[in-house]
């Protein structure tokens, strides 16, 4: 009986440690994504519309960078002629949600292109 209790306790402790590790990386969505209405299948288009509305062509790249940093996005370093990018990832037990913002700016720091994408990958 003692061994069964010990085994069950060890299994419970291991499960709790695993769950704590999985959820410790959980971060709430940025405000601009958290309030997306409707069905998730429409989130990609809606997020793209929102980011373009909030940072239209001609806006300051510095304002976009400050927004992304405040919302918890991470830079995705540009390679060659690709646009600048930043991403936010929320990992759950079953699904991973990835939000990207892509942009280009001229030498004066003025946005010449901006777009967003939302992707959900589930097991």
Protein backbone atom coordinates (compact mmCIF):
# COMPACT_ATOMS: atom_id res chain seq x y z
CA UNK A 1 0.00 0.00 0.00
CA UNK A 2 2.82 2.35 0.90
CA UNK A 3 4.49 1.83 -2.49
CA UNK A 4 1.25 2.56 -4.32
CA UNK A 5 0.82 5.86 -2.44
CA UNK A 6 4.48 6.75 -3.06
CA UNK A 7 4.14 5.97 -6.80
CA UNK A 8 0.91 7.95 -7.09
CA UNK A 9 2.48 10.92 -5.28
CA UNK A 10 5.54 10.86 -7.55
CA UNK A 11 3.34 10.69 -10.65
CA UNK A 12 1.19 13.57 -9.39
CA UNK A 13 4.27 15.67 -8.64
CA UNK A 14 5.77 14.99 -12.08
CA UNK A 15 2.47 15.91 -13.77
CA UNK A 16 2.21 19.14 -11.78
CA UNK A 17 5.81 20.10 -12.64
CA UNK A 18 5.17 19.44 -16.34
CA UNK A 19 1.98 21.51 -16.30
CA UNK A 20 3.68 24.38 -14.47
CA UNK A 21 6.45 24.41 -17.07
CA UNK A 22 3.99 24.41 -19.97
CA UNK A 23 1.90 27.26 -18.59
CA UNK A 24 4.75 29.42 -17.35
CA UNK A 25 5.33 30.59 -20.94
CA UNK A 26 1.68 31.54 -21.40
CA UNK A 27 1.29 35.20 -22.27
CA UNK A 28 -1.96 36.99 -22.97
CA UNK A 29 -2.53 38.27 -26.49
CA UNK A 30 -1.63 41.86 -27.35
CA UNK A 31 -4.66 44.16 -27.12
CA UNK A 32 -4.87 44.63 -30.90
CA UNK A 33 -5.34 40.85 -31.34
CA UNK A 34 -7.21 39.97 -28.15
CA UNK A 35 -10.27 41.94 -29.21
CA UNK A 36 -10.63 40.41 -32.69
CA UNK A 37 -14.32 39.68 -33.26
CA UNK A 38 -15.96 36.68 -34.83
CA UNK A 39 -14.54 33.38 -35.99
CA UNK A 40 -10.82 32.60 -35.84
CA UNK A 41 -10.83 31.83 -39.57
CA UNK A 42 -11.31 35.59 -40.15
CA UNK A 43 -8.58 36.71 -37.72
CA UNK A 44 -5.83 36.90 -40.36
CA UNK A 45 -7.73 39.37 -42.53
CA UNK A 46 -9.05 41.35 -39.57
CA UNK A 47 -5.62 41.67 -37.94
CA UNK A 48 -4.08 42.78 -41.24
CA UNK A 49 -6.79 45.44 -41.58
CA UNK A 50 -6.24 46.65 -38.01
CA UNK A 51 -2.46 46.96 -38.27
CA UNK A 52 -2.74 48.82 -41.59
CA UNK A 53 -5.36 51.17 -40.13
CA UNK A 54 -3.32 51.86 -37.01
CA UNK A 55 -0.04 52.33 -38.94
CA UNK A 56 -0.92 53.50 -42.45
CA UNK A 57 1.68 54.07 -45.18
CA UNK A 58 3.53 57.29 -44.32
CA UNK A 59 3.45 56.64 -40.55
CA UNK A 60 6.54 56.67 -38.38
CA UNK A 61 8.47 53.42 -38.13
CA UNK A 62 9.52 54.47 -34.61
CA UNK A 63 5.87 54.50 -33.48
CA UNK A 64 5.37 51.01 -34.91
CA UNK A 65 8.51 49.75 -33.18
CA UNK A 66 7.43 51.24 -29.84
CA UNK A 67 3.98 49.67 -30.20
CA UNK A 68 5.42 46.24 -30.99
CA UNK A 69 7.84 46.39 -28.05
CA UNK A 70 5.08 47.47 -25.64
CA UNK A 71 2.82 44.65 -26.82
CA UNK A 72 5.47 41.95 -26.31
CA UNK A 73 6.40 41.25 -29.93
CA UNK A 74 9.92 39.97 -30.66
CA UNK A 75 12.02 41.13 -33.61
CA UNK A 76 12.53 38.65 -36.43
CA UNK A 77 15.79 39.76 -38.04
CA UNK A 78 15.61 40.73 -41.68
CA UNK A 79 17.65 38.86 -44.24
CA UNK A 80 18.70 40.46 -47.51
CA UNK A 81 15.76 42.19 -49.22
CA UNK A 82 13.01 40.73 -47.04
CA UNK A 83 10.80 43.14 -45.08
CA UNK A 84 11.33 43.82 -41.39
CA UNK A 85 9.28 41.53 -39.19
CA UNK A 86 8.21 41.03 -35.60
CA UNK A 87 6.26 38.18 -34.06
CA UNK A 88 4.25 37.17 -31.00
CA UNK A 89 3.71 33.50 -30.13
CA UNK A 90 1.23 32.10 -27.66
CA UNK A 91 1.71 28.38 -27.02
CA UNK A 92 -1.08 26.32 -25.52
CA UNK A 93 -1.47 22.63 -24.79
CA UNK A 94 -3.04 21.93 -28.18
CA UNK A 95 -2.58 25.04 -30.31
CA UNK A 96 0.13 27.59 -31.02
CA UNK A 97 -0.99 31.03 -32.21
CA UNK A 98 1.50 33.13 -34.15
CA UNK A 99 1.04 36.81 -34.94
CA UNK A 100 3.42 38.51 -37.38
CA UNK A 101 3.83 42.14 -38.38
CA UNK A 102 5.82 42.86 -41.56
CA UNK A 103 6.90 46.31 -42.73
CA UNK A 104 9.26 48.31 -44.88
CA UNK A 105 10.46 51.84 -44.21
CA UNK A 106 12.47 54.35 -46.19
CA UNK A 107 15.73 55.93 -44.98
CA UNK A 108 13.76 58.71 -43.26
CA UNK A 109 11.91 56.14 -41.09
CA UNK A 110 8.59 56.46 -42.89
CA UNK A 111 6.56 53.28 -43.44
CA UNK A 112 6.26 52.31 -47.10
CA UNK A 113 4.51 48.99 -46.48
CA UNK A 114 2.91 47.35 -43.44
CA UNK A 115 0.86 44.19 -43.00
CA UNK A 116 -0.07 41.66 -40.39
CA UNK A 117 -0.81 37.95 -40.27
CA UNK A 118 -2.41 35.61 -37.77
CA UNK A 119 -1.86 31.85 -37.80
CA UNK A 120 -3.08 29.07 -35.55
CA UNK A 121 -1.37 25.67 -35.59
CA UNK A 122 -3.06 22.86 -33.71
CA UNK A 123 -2.03 19.27 -33.14
